[in-house]
Amino acid sequence: MSPILYTSHAGIATLRVNRPQARNALNWAAQEAFAAAVQTAASDPDLRVLIISGSGSAFVAGGDLRELHAHPEREAGERLNRIMGQALAQLAELPCPVIGAVNGDAAGGGVEVLTACDLRLAVPHANFHLVQVRMGLTTGWGGAARLVRLVGLSRALDWMLNGRSLSAAELHQIGFLHRLTAEGEDVLTAAHAWAEELCALPRHSLAALKQLLRFADHNSLREGYARETELFTELYGTADNREGINAFLEKRPAKFG
């Protein structure tokens, strides 16, 4: 059984962690397969939206603790951080929107995976556990650096220093989760509907906005202003720009390329 399932159709790809018997904990094989799937997504010129989810009742349980217990040597930790750290950095830098579709509990590295997604939705009963401190560790896949930008320093400190578990409702309230599914609604169905909405929008504008917002988050206001002007000018007068304006003036749905 493959530890990662990757499918793509009509511009929407789904990457699903497939170790339900281990609550989708990422062992070495799963980490390598996850990284390869992200590379596949990055190499696909037709990709419009990527969805990340899990099989069974859990989203992702982070690293496989049984495997980590068997390999206490420092080199094993370096390998773990290198594989997933690089994979999540590449995931966050994809030009297309990435949706985290949380089908159940996310723990440790599973929450770190979500921090690399652009948009996040979850089933209402999901819980989110950042408990690395209880293992004598920190986050290791870039999760802390991304989390503090998503929820702010104060909330990140409270969540991580206390090794807390937070509910989907709590994370929706503070903005970490953008949407919650209705009770009984399939999260992948909801994610695909969201992806189809995004596919109806101009892909170059989505990519530019994603680039602009991430640039602004890491640079000064002045640098953000300059980059915004550059990207606006690049898109101005393009076929999608003209189609959007014409559709608005003609009171019809836009049909972007």
C-alpha atoms as a PDB file:
ATOM      1  CA  MET A   1       0.000   0.000   0.000  1.00  0.00           C
ATOM      2  CA  SER A   2       1.454   3.330  -1.044  1.00  0.00           C
ATOM      3  CA  PRO A   3       1.972   5.718   1.910  1.00  0.00           C
ATOM      4  CA  ILE A   4       1.048   8.702  -0.276  1.00  0.00           C
ATOM      5  CA  LEU A   5      -1.765   8.846  -2.824  1.00  0.00           C
ATOM      6  CA  TYR A   6      -1.438  11.526  -5.509  1.00  0.00           C
ATOM      7  CA  THR A   7      -4.110  12.093  -8.132  1.00  0.00           C
ATOM      8  CA  SER A   8      -4.747  14.934 -10.554  1.00  0.00           C
ATOM      9  CA  HIS A   9      -7.723  15.819 -12.746  1.00  0.00           C
ATOM     10  CA  ALA A  10      -8.747  18.996 -14.551  1.00  0.00           C
ATOM     11  CA  GLY A  11      -6.135  21.126 -12.830  1.00  0.00           C
ATOM     12  CA  ILE A  12      -6.919  19.955  -9.278  1.00  0.00           C
ATOM     13  CA  ALA A  13      -4.482  17.567  -7.582  1.00  0.00           C
ATOM     14  CA  THR A  14      -4.985  15.738  -4.298  1.00  0.00           C
ATOM     15  CA  LEU A  15      -2.103  14.563  -2.097  1.00  0.00           C
ATOM     16  CA  ARG A  16      -3.359  12.208   0.585  1.00  0.00           C
ATOM     17  CA  VAL A  17      -1.270  10.663   3.360  1.00  0.00           C
ATOM     18  CA  ASN A  18      -2.271   7.003   3.336  1.00  0.00           C
ATOM     19  CA  ARG A  19      -1.182   5.268   6.548  1.00  0.00           C
ATOM     20  CA  PRO A  20      -4.530   5.085   8.368  1.00  0.00           C
ATOM     21  CA  GLN A  21      -3.347   2.163  10.501  1.00  0.00           C
ATOM     22  CA  ALA A  22      -0.765   4.554  12.036  1.00  0.00           C
ATOM     23  CA  ARG A  23      -3.043   7.630  12.063  1.00  0.00           C
ATOM     24  CA  ASN A  24      -1.065   8.809   9.031  1.00  0.00           C
ATOM     25  CA  ALA A  25       2.207   9.175  10.918  1.00  0.00           C
ATOM     26  CA  LEU A  26       4.997   9.888   8.461  1.00  0.00           C
ATOM     27  CA  ASN A  27       7.699   7.232   8.553  1.00  0.00           C
ATOM     28  CA  TRP A  28      10.801   7.515   6.356  1.00  0.00           C
ATOM     29  CA  ALA A  29       9.079   5.985   3.336  1.00  0.00           C
ATOM     30  CA  ALA A  30       6.073   8.284   3.699  1.00  0.00           C
ATOM     31  CA  GLN A  31       8.309  11.336   4.072  1.00  0.00           C
ATOM     32  CA  GLU A  32      10.195  10.496   0.885  1.00  0.00           C
ATOM     33  CA  ALA A  33       6.934   9.851  -0.958  1.00  0.00           C
ATOM     34  CA  PHE A  34       5.426  13.096   0.364  1.00  0.00           C
ATOM     35  CA  ALA A  35       8.447  15.067  -0.860  1.00  0.00           C
ATOM     36  CA  ALA A  36       8.253  13.350  -4.261  1.00  0.00           C
ATOM     37  CA  ALA A  37       4.551  14.192  -4.568  1.00  0.00           C
ATOM     38  CA  VAL A  38       5.220  17.859  -3.797  1.00  0.00           C
ATOM     39  CA  GLN A  39       7.911  17.824  -6.493  1.00  0.00           C
ATOM     40  CA  THR A  40       5.384  16.319  -8.916  1.00  0.00           C
ATOM     41  CA  ALA A  41       2.990  19.154  -8.126  1.00  0.00           C
ATOM     42  CA  ALA A  42       5.723  21.748  -8.578  1.00  0.00           C
ATOM     43  CA  SER A  43       6.582  20.294 -11.995  1.00  0.00           C
ATOM     44  CA  ASP A  44       2.989  20.264 -13.299  1.00  0.00           C
ATOM     45  CA  PRO A  45       2.351  23.300 -15.542  1.00  0.00           C
ATOM     46  CA  ASP A  46      -1.386  22.564 -15.601  1.00  0.00           C
ATOM     47  CA  LEU A  47      -1.861  22.466 -11.832  1.00  0.00           C
ATOM     48  CA  ARG A  48      -4.370  25.049 -10.616  1.00  0.00           C
ATOM     49  CA  VAL A  49      -5.030  23.930  -7.010  1.00  0.00           C
ATOM     50  CA  LEU A  50      -3.433  21.333  -4.708  1.00  0.00           C
ATOM     51  CA  ILE A  51      -5.392  19.698  -1.873  1.00  0.00           C
ATOM     52  CA  ILE A  52      -3.626  18.012   1.075  1.00  0.00           C
ATOM     53  CA  SER A  53      -5.573  15.518   3.202  1.00  0.00           C
ATOM     54  CA  GLY A  54      -5.337  12.201   5.036  1.00  0.00           C
ATOM     55  CA  SER A  55      -6.885   8.745   4.725  1.00  0.00           C
ATOM     56  CA  GLY A  56      -9.117   7.310   7.418  1.00  0.00           C
ATOM     57  CA  SER A  57      -9.995   9.133  10.628  1.00  0.00           C
ATOM     58  CA  ALA A  58      -6.849  11.266  11.071  1.00  0.00           C
ATOM     59  CA  PHE A  59      -5.185  14.027   9.048  1.00  0.00           C
ATOM     60  CA  VAL A  60      -1.473  13.586   9.807  1.00  0.00           C
ATOM     61  CA  ALA A  61       0.059  12.507  13.122  1.00  0.00           C
ATOM     62  CA  GLY A  62       3.498  13.967  12.387  1.00  0.00           C
ATOM     63  CA  GLY A  63       6.618  11.810  12.478  1.00  0.00           C
ATOM     64  CA  ASP A  64       6.338   8.110  13.254  1.00  0.00           C
ATOM     65  CA  LEU A  65       7.315   7.945  16.944  1.00  0.00           C
ATOM     66  CA  ARG A  66       8.038   4.210  16.850  1.00  0.00           C
ATOM     67  CA  GLU A  67      10.528   4.756  14.066  1.00  0.00           C
ATOM     68  CA  LEU A  68      12.050   7.768  15.806  1.00  0.00           C
ATOM     69  CA  HIS A  69      12.361   5.753  19.021  1.00  0.00           C
ATOM     70  CA  ALA A  70      14.361   3.144  17.126  1.00  0.00           C
ATOM     71  CA  HIS A  71      16.745   5.793  15.750  1.00  0.00           C
ATOM     72  CA  PRO A  72      17.885   8.134  18.561  1.00  0.00           C
ATOM     73  CA  GLU A  73      21.069   9.146  16.735  1.00  0.00           C
ATOM     74  CA  ARG A  74      21.310  12.817  15.761  1.00  0.00           C
ATOM     75  CA  GLU A  75      21.739  11.954  12.081  1.00  0.00           C
ATOM     76  CA  ALA A  76      18.193  10.556  12.060  1.00  0.00           C
ATOM     77  CA  GLY A  77      16.821  13.866  13.322  1.00  0.00           C
ATOM     78  CA  GLU A  78      18.786  15.766  10.702  1.00  0.00           C
ATOM     79  CA  ARG A  79      17.410  13.505   7.982  1.00  0.00           C
ATOM     80  CA  LEU A  80      13.846  13.939   9.223  1.00  0.00           C
ATOM     81  CA  ASN A  81      14.150  17.723   9.265  1.00  0.00           C
ATOM     82  CA  ARG A  82      15.852  17.859   5.886  1.00  0.00           C
ATOM     83  CA  ILE A  83      13.267  15.790   4.018  1.00  0.00           C
ATOM     84  CA  MET A  84      10.121  17.341   5.436  1.00  0.00           C
ATOM     85  CA  GLY A  85      11.550  20.801   6.007  1.00  0.00           C
ATOM     86  CA  GLN A  86      12.480  21.093   2.342  1.00  0.00           C
ATOM     87  CA  ALA A  87       9.212  19.519   1.191  1.00  0.00           C
ATOM     88  CA  LEU A  88       7.083  21.946   3.203  1.00  0.00           C
ATOM     89  CA  ALA A  89       9.169  24.929   2.091  1.00  0.00           C
ATOM     90  CA  GLN A  90       8.561  23.879  -1.512  1.00  0.00           C
ATOM     91  CA  LEU A  91       4.869  23.322  -0.767  1.00  0.00           C
ATOM     92  CA  ALA A  92       4.507  26.838   0.635  1.00  0.00           C
ATOM     93  CA  GLU A  93       6.229  28.305  -2.427  1.00  0.00           C
ATOM     94  CA  LEU A  94       4.004  26.660  -5.046  1.00  0.00           C
ATOM     95  CA  PRO A  95       2.454  29.338  -7.268  1.00  0.00           C
ATOM     96  CA  CYS A  96      -0.993  27.748  -7.062  1.00  0.00           C
ATOM     97  CA  PRO A  97      -3.266  27.816  -3.987  1.00  0.00           C
ATOM     98  CA  VAL A  98      -2.775  24.894  -1.587  1.00  0.00           C
ATOM     99  CA  ILE A  99      -5.784  23.781   0.477  1.00  0.00           C
ATOM    100  CA  GLY A 100      -5.341  21.790   3.685  1.00  0.00           C
ATOM    101  CA  ALA A 101      -8.430  19.578   4.020  1.00  0.00           C
ATOM    102  CA  VAL A 102      -8.441  18.303   7.601  1.00  0.00           C
ATOM    103  CA  ASN A 103     -10.444  15.092   7.879  1.00  0.00           C
ATOM    104  CA  GLY A 104      -9.531  14.384  11.518  1.00  0.00           C
ATOM    105  CA  ASP A 105      -6.982  15.100  14.233  1.00  0.00           C
ATOM    106  CA  ALA A 106      -3.643  16.681  13.307  1.00  0.00           C
ATOM    107  CA  ALA A 107      -0.686  16.283  15.649  1.00  0.00           C
ATOM    108  CA  GLY A 108       2.833  17.698  15.733  1.00  0.00           C
ATOM    109  CA  GLY A 109       4.169  17.650  12.201  1.00  0.00           C
ATOM    110  CA  GLY A 110       0.610  17.363  10.903  1.00  0.00           C
ATOM    111  CA  VAL A 111      -0.037  20.896  12.141  1.00  0.00           C
ATOM    112  CA  GLU A 112       3.260  21.933  10.553  1.00  0.00           C
ATOM    113  CA  VAL A 113       2.002  20.603   7.210  1.00  0.00           C
ATOM    114  CA  LEU A 114      -1.050  22.831   7.589  1.00  0.00           C
ATOM    115  CA  THR A 115       1.089  25.907   8.214  1.00  0.00           C
ATOM    116  CA  ALA A 116       2.533  25.419   4.717  1.00  0.00           C
ATOM    117  CA  CYS A 117      -0.953  25.478   3.156  1.00  0.00           C
ATOM    118  CA  ASP A 118      -2.554  28.711   1.970  1.00  0.00           C
ATOM    119  CA  LEU A 119      -6.122  27.839   2.891  1.00  0.00           C
ATOM    120  CA  ARG A 120      -7.385  25.451   5.555  1.00  0.00           C
ATOM    121  CA  LEU A 121     -10.736  23.814   6.254  1.00  0.00           C
ATOM    122  CA  ALA A 122     -11.587  21.093   8.737  1.00  0.00           C
ATOM    123  CA  VAL A 123     -14.308  18.846  10.036  1.00  0.00           C
ATOM    124  CA  PRO A 124     -15.771  20.289  13.268  1.00  0.00           C
ATOM    125  CA  HIS A 125     -14.633  17.375  15.466  1.00  0.00           C
ATOM    126  CA  ALA A 126     -10.935  17.680  14.541  1.00  0.00           C
ATOM    127  CA  ASN A 127      -8.412  18.570  17.233  1.00  0.00           C
ATOM    128  CA  PHE A 128      -4.955  20.015  16.697  1.00  0.00           C
ATOM    129  CA  HIS A 129      -2.091  18.976  18.956  1.00  0.00           C
ATOM    130  CA  LEU A 130       1.206  20.881  19.107  1.00  0.00           C
ATOM    131  CA  VAL A 131       2.854  18.725  21.752  1.00  0.00           C
ATOM    132  CA  GLN A 132       6.513  18.670  20.700  1.00  0.00           C
ATOM    133  CA  VAL A 133       7.460  20.202  24.056  1.00  0.00           C
ATOM    134  CA  ARG A 134       6.132  17.047  25.747  1.00  0.00           C
ATOM    135  CA  MET A 135       8.603  15.027  23.657  1.00  0.00           C
ATOM    136  CA  GLY A 136      11.544  17.229  24.634  1.00  0.00           C
ATOM    137  CA  LEU A 137      11.633  18.754  21.152  1.00  0.00           C
ATOM    138  CA  THR A 138      10.665  21.807  19.128  1.00  0.00           C
ATOM    139  CA  THR A 139       8.934  21.901  15.788  1.00  0.00           C
ATOM    140  CA  GLY A 140      11.396  20.894  13.094  1.00  0.00           C
ATOM    141  CA  TRP A 141       9.754  21.363   9.708  1.00  0.00           C
ATOM    142  CA  GLY A 142       9.486  25.160   9.716  1.00  0.00           C
ATOM    143  CA  GLY A 143       6.179  25.107  11.567  1.00  0.00           C
ATOM    144  CA  ALA A 144       7.078  27.599  14.307  1.00  0.00           C
ATOM    145  CA  ALA A 145       8.327  30.213  11.839  1.00  0.00           C
ATOM    146  CA  ARG A 146       5.158  29.918   9.771  1.00  0.00           C
ATOM    147  CA  LEU A 147       2.764  29.601  12.709  1.00  0.00           C
ATOM    148  CA  VAL A 148       3.835  32.847  14.363  1.00  0.00           C
ATOM    149  CA  ARG A 149       3.073  34.653  11.100  1.00  0.00           C
ATOM    150  CA  LEU A 150      -0.335  33.016  10.870  1.00  0.00           C
ATOM    151  CA  VAL A 151      -1.671  33.472  14.408  1.00  0.00           C
ATOM    152  CA  GLY A 152       0.728  35.950  16.025  1.00  0.00           C
ATOM    153  CA  LEU A 153       3.437  35.505  18.644  1.00  0.00           C
ATOM    154  CA  SER A 154       1.155  35.499  21.688  1.00  0.00           C
ATOM    155  CA  ARG A 155      -1.131  32.726  20.431  1.00  0.00           C
ATOM    156  CA  ALA A 156       1.794  30.695  19.102  1.00  0.00           C
ATOM    157  CA  LEU A 157       3.530  30.904  22.491  1.00  0.00           C
ATOM    158  CA  ASP A 158       0.402  29.792  24.333  1.00  0.00           C
ATOM    159  CA  TRP A 159      -0.203  26.870  21.986  1.00  0.00           C
ATOM    160  CA  MET A 160       3.365  25.601  21.791  1.00  0.00           C
ATOM    161  CA  LEU A 161       4.875  26.304  25.216  1.00  0.00           C
ATOM    162  CA  ASN A 162       1.930  24.650  26.940  1.00  0.00           C
ATOM    163  CA  GLY A 163       1.809  21.738  24.492  1.00  0.00           C
ATOM    164  CA  ARG A 164      -1.882  22.428  24.029  1.00  0.00           C
ATOM    165  CA  SER A 165      -4.548  20.707  21.992  1.00  0.00           C
ATOM    166  CA  LEU A 166      -6.976  23.108  20.334  1.00  0.00           C
ATOM    167  CA  SER A 167     -10.333  22.362  18.746  1.00  0.00           C
ATOM    168  CA  ALA A 168     -11.363  23.187  15.208  1.00  0.00           C
ATOM    169  CA  ALA A 169     -13.793  25.768  16.589  1.00  0.00           C
ATOM    170  CA  GLU A 170     -11.002  27.523  18.511  1.00  0.00           C
ATOM    171  CA  LEU A 171      -8.721  27.626  15.483  1.00  0.00           C
ATOM    172  CA  HIS A 172     -11.537  28.851  13.253  1.00  0.00           C
ATOM    173  CA  GLN A 173     -12.192  31.665  15.705  1.00  0.00           C
ATOM    174  CA  ILE A 174      -8.576  32.895  15.592  1.00  0.00           C
ATOM    175  CA  GLY A 175      -8.318  32.548  11.816  1.00  0.00           C
ATOM    176  CA  PHE A 176      -5.962  29.576  11.509  1.00  0.00           C
ATOM    177  CA  LEU A 177      -8.818  27.644   9.915  1.00  0.00           C
ATOM    178  CA  HIS A 178     -10.703  29.507   7.212  1.00  0.00           C
ATOM    179  CA  ARG A 179     -13.728  27.206   7.003  1.00  0.00           C
ATOM    180  CA  LEU A 180     -15.404  24.369   8.898  1.00  0.00           C
ATOM    181  CA  THR A 181     -17.476  21.756   7.123  1.00  0.00           C
ATOM    182  CA  ALA A 182     -21.090  21.168   8.050  1.00  0.00           C
ATOM    183  CA  GLU A 183     -21.751  18.191  10.320  1.00  0.00           C
ATOM    184  CA  GLY A 184     -21.567  15.047   8.204  1.00  0.00           C
ATOM    185  CA  GLU A 185     -20.156  16.858   5.155  1.00  0.00           C
ATOM    186  CA  ASP A 186     -17.207  15.126   3.498  1.00  0.00           C
ATOM    187  CA  VAL A 187     -14.157  17.350   3.795  1.00  0.00           C
ATOM    188  CA  LEU A 188     -12.683  16.326   0.437  1.00  0.00           C
ATOM    189  CA  THR A 189     -15.974  17.105  -1.288  1.00  0.00           C
ATOM    190  CA  ALA A 190     -15.948  20.538   0.344  1.00  0.00           C
ATOM    191  CA  ALA A 191     -12.297  21.053  -0.578  1.00  0.00           C
ATOM    192  CA  HIS A 192     -12.928  20.143  -4.213  1.00  0.00           C
ATOM    193  CA  ALA A 193     -15.848  22.568  -4.381  1.00  0.00           C
ATOM    194  CA  TRP A 194     -13.557  25.294  -3.013  1.00  0.00           C
ATOM    195  CA  ALA A 195     -10.854  24.313  -5.502  1.00  0.00           C
ATOM    196  CA  GLU A 196     -13.319  24.595  -8.378  1.00  0.00           C
ATOM    197  CA  GLU A 197     -14.190  28.125  -7.244  1.00  0.00           C
ATOM    198  CA  LEU A 198     -10.487  28.994  -7.347  1.00  0.00           C
ATOM    199  CA  CYS A 199     -10.053  27.362 -10.759  1.00  0.00           C
ATOM    200  CA  ALA A 200     -12.669  29.752 -12.140  1.00  0.00           C
ATOM    201  CA  LEU A 201     -10.404  32.692 -11.245  1.00  0.00           C
ATOM    202  CA  PRO A 202      -7.408  33.857 -13.328  1.00  0.00           C
ATOM    203  CA  ARG A 203      -4.452  31.678 -12.374  1.00  0.00           C
ATOM    204  CA  HIS A 204      -1.803  34.353 -12.987  1.00  0.00           C
ATOM    205  CA  SER A 205      -3.623  36.773 -10.705  1.00  0.00           C
ATOM    206  CA  LEU A 206      -3.885  34.119  -7.980  1.00  0.00           C
ATOM    207  CA  ALA A 207      -0.174  33.341  -8.284  1.00  0.00           C
ATOM    208  CA  ALA A 208       0.737  37.037  -8.182  1.00  0.00           C
ATOM    209  CA  LEU A 209      -1.454  37.685  -5.137  1.00  0.00           C
ATOM    210  CA  LYS A 210       0.032  34.709  -3.303  1.00  0.00           C
ATOM    211  CA  GLN A 211       3.540  35.914  -4.125  1.00  0.00           C
ATOM    212  CA  LEU A 212       2.705  39.482  -3.129  1.00  0.00           C
ATOM    213  CA  LEU A 213       1.161  38.600   0.228  1.00  0.00           C
ATOM    214  CA  ARG A 214       4.030  36.309   1.207  1.00  0.00           C
ATOM    215  CA  PHE A 215       6.565  38.933   0.093  1.00  0.00           C
ATOM    216  CA  ALA A 216       4.789  41.602   2.134  1.00  0.00           C
ATOM    217  CA  ASP A 217       4.817  39.338   5.191  1.00  0.00           C
ATOM    218  CA  HIS A 218       8.629  39.078   5.086  1.00  0.00           C
ATOM    219  CA  ASN A 219       9.673  42.552   3.956  1.00  0.00           C
ATOM    220  CA  SER A 220       9.217  46.218   4.791  1.00  0.00           C
ATOM    221  CA  LEU A 221       6.151  48.230   3.810  1.00  0.00           C
ATOM    222  CA  ARG A 222       8.178  50.188   1.284  1.00  0.00           C
ATOM    223  CA  GLU A 223       9.435  46.980  -0.340  1.00  0.00           C
ATOM    224  CA  GLY A 224       5.892  45.617  -0.306  1.00  0.00           C
ATOM    225  CA  TYR A 225       4.589  48.727  -2.056  1.00  0.00           C
ATOM    226  CA  ALA A 226       7.271  48.422  -4.746  1.00  0.00           C
ATOM    227  CA  ARG A 227       6.554  44.737  -5.390  1.00  0.00           C
ATOM    228  CA  GLU A 228       2.817  45.433  -5.534  1.00  0.00           C
ATOM    229  CA  THR A 229       3.363  48.067  -8.228  1.00  0.00           C
ATOM    230  CA  GLU A 230       5.523  45.653 -10.236  1.00  0.00           C
ATOM    231  CA  LEU A 231       2.983  42.828 -10.144  1.00  0.00           C
ATOM    232  CA  PHE A 232       0.025  45.118 -10.869  1.00  0.00           C
ATOM    233  CA  THR A 233       1.839  46.499 -13.906  1.00  0.00           C
ATOM    234  CA  GLU A 234       2.745  43.001 -15.125  1.00  0.00           C
ATOM    235  CA  LEU A 235      -0.907  41.929 -15.054  1.00  0.00           C
ATOM    236  CA  TYR A 236      -2.389  45.167 -16.367  1.00  0.00           C
ATOM    237  CA  GLY A 237      -3.679  44.819 -19.918  1.00  0.00           C
ATOM    238  CA  THR A 238      -3.344  41.028 -20.047  1.00  0.00           C
ATOM    239  CA  ALA A 239      -6.080  38.914 -21.601  1.00  0.00           C
ATOM    240  CA  ASP A 240      -7.415  37.966 -18.167  1.00  0.00           C
ATOM    241  CA  ASN A 241      -7.421  41.590 -17.046  1.00  0.00           C
ATOM    242  CA  ARG A 242      -9.374  42.653 -20.142  1.00  0.00           C
ATOM    243  CA  GLU A 243     -11.777  39.732 -19.779  1.00  0.00           C
ATOM    244  CA  GLY A 244     -12.476  40.611 -16.146  1.00  0.00           C
ATOM    245  CA  ILE A 245     -13.229  44.234 -16.993  1.00  0.00           C
ATOM    246  CA  ASN A 246     -15.331  43.353 -20.042  1.00  0.00           C
ATOM    247  CA  ALA A 247     -17.347  40.772 -18.109  1.00  0.00           C
ATOM    248  CA  PHE A 248     -18.048  43.301 -15.357  1.00  0.00           C
ATOM    249  CA  LEU A 249     -19.180  45.985 -17.822  1.00  0.00           C
ATOM    250  CA  GLU A 250     -21.256  43.508 -19.816  1.00  0.00           C
ATOM    251  CA  LYS A 251     -22.785  42.028 -16.646  1.00  0.00           C
ATOM    252  CA  ARG A 252     -21.828  38.437 -17.462  1.00  0.00           C
ATOM    253  CA  PRO A 253     -19.652  35.761 -15.846  1.00  0.00           C
ATOM    254  CA  ALA A 254     -15.984  36.069 -16.771  1.00  0.00           C
ATOM    255  CA  LYS A 255     -14.279  33.272 -18.694  1.00  0.00           C
ATOM    256  CA  PHE A 256     -10.592  33.385 -17.889  1.00  0.00           C
ATOM    257  CA  GLY A 257      -7.884  31.520 -19.772  1.00  0.00           C
END
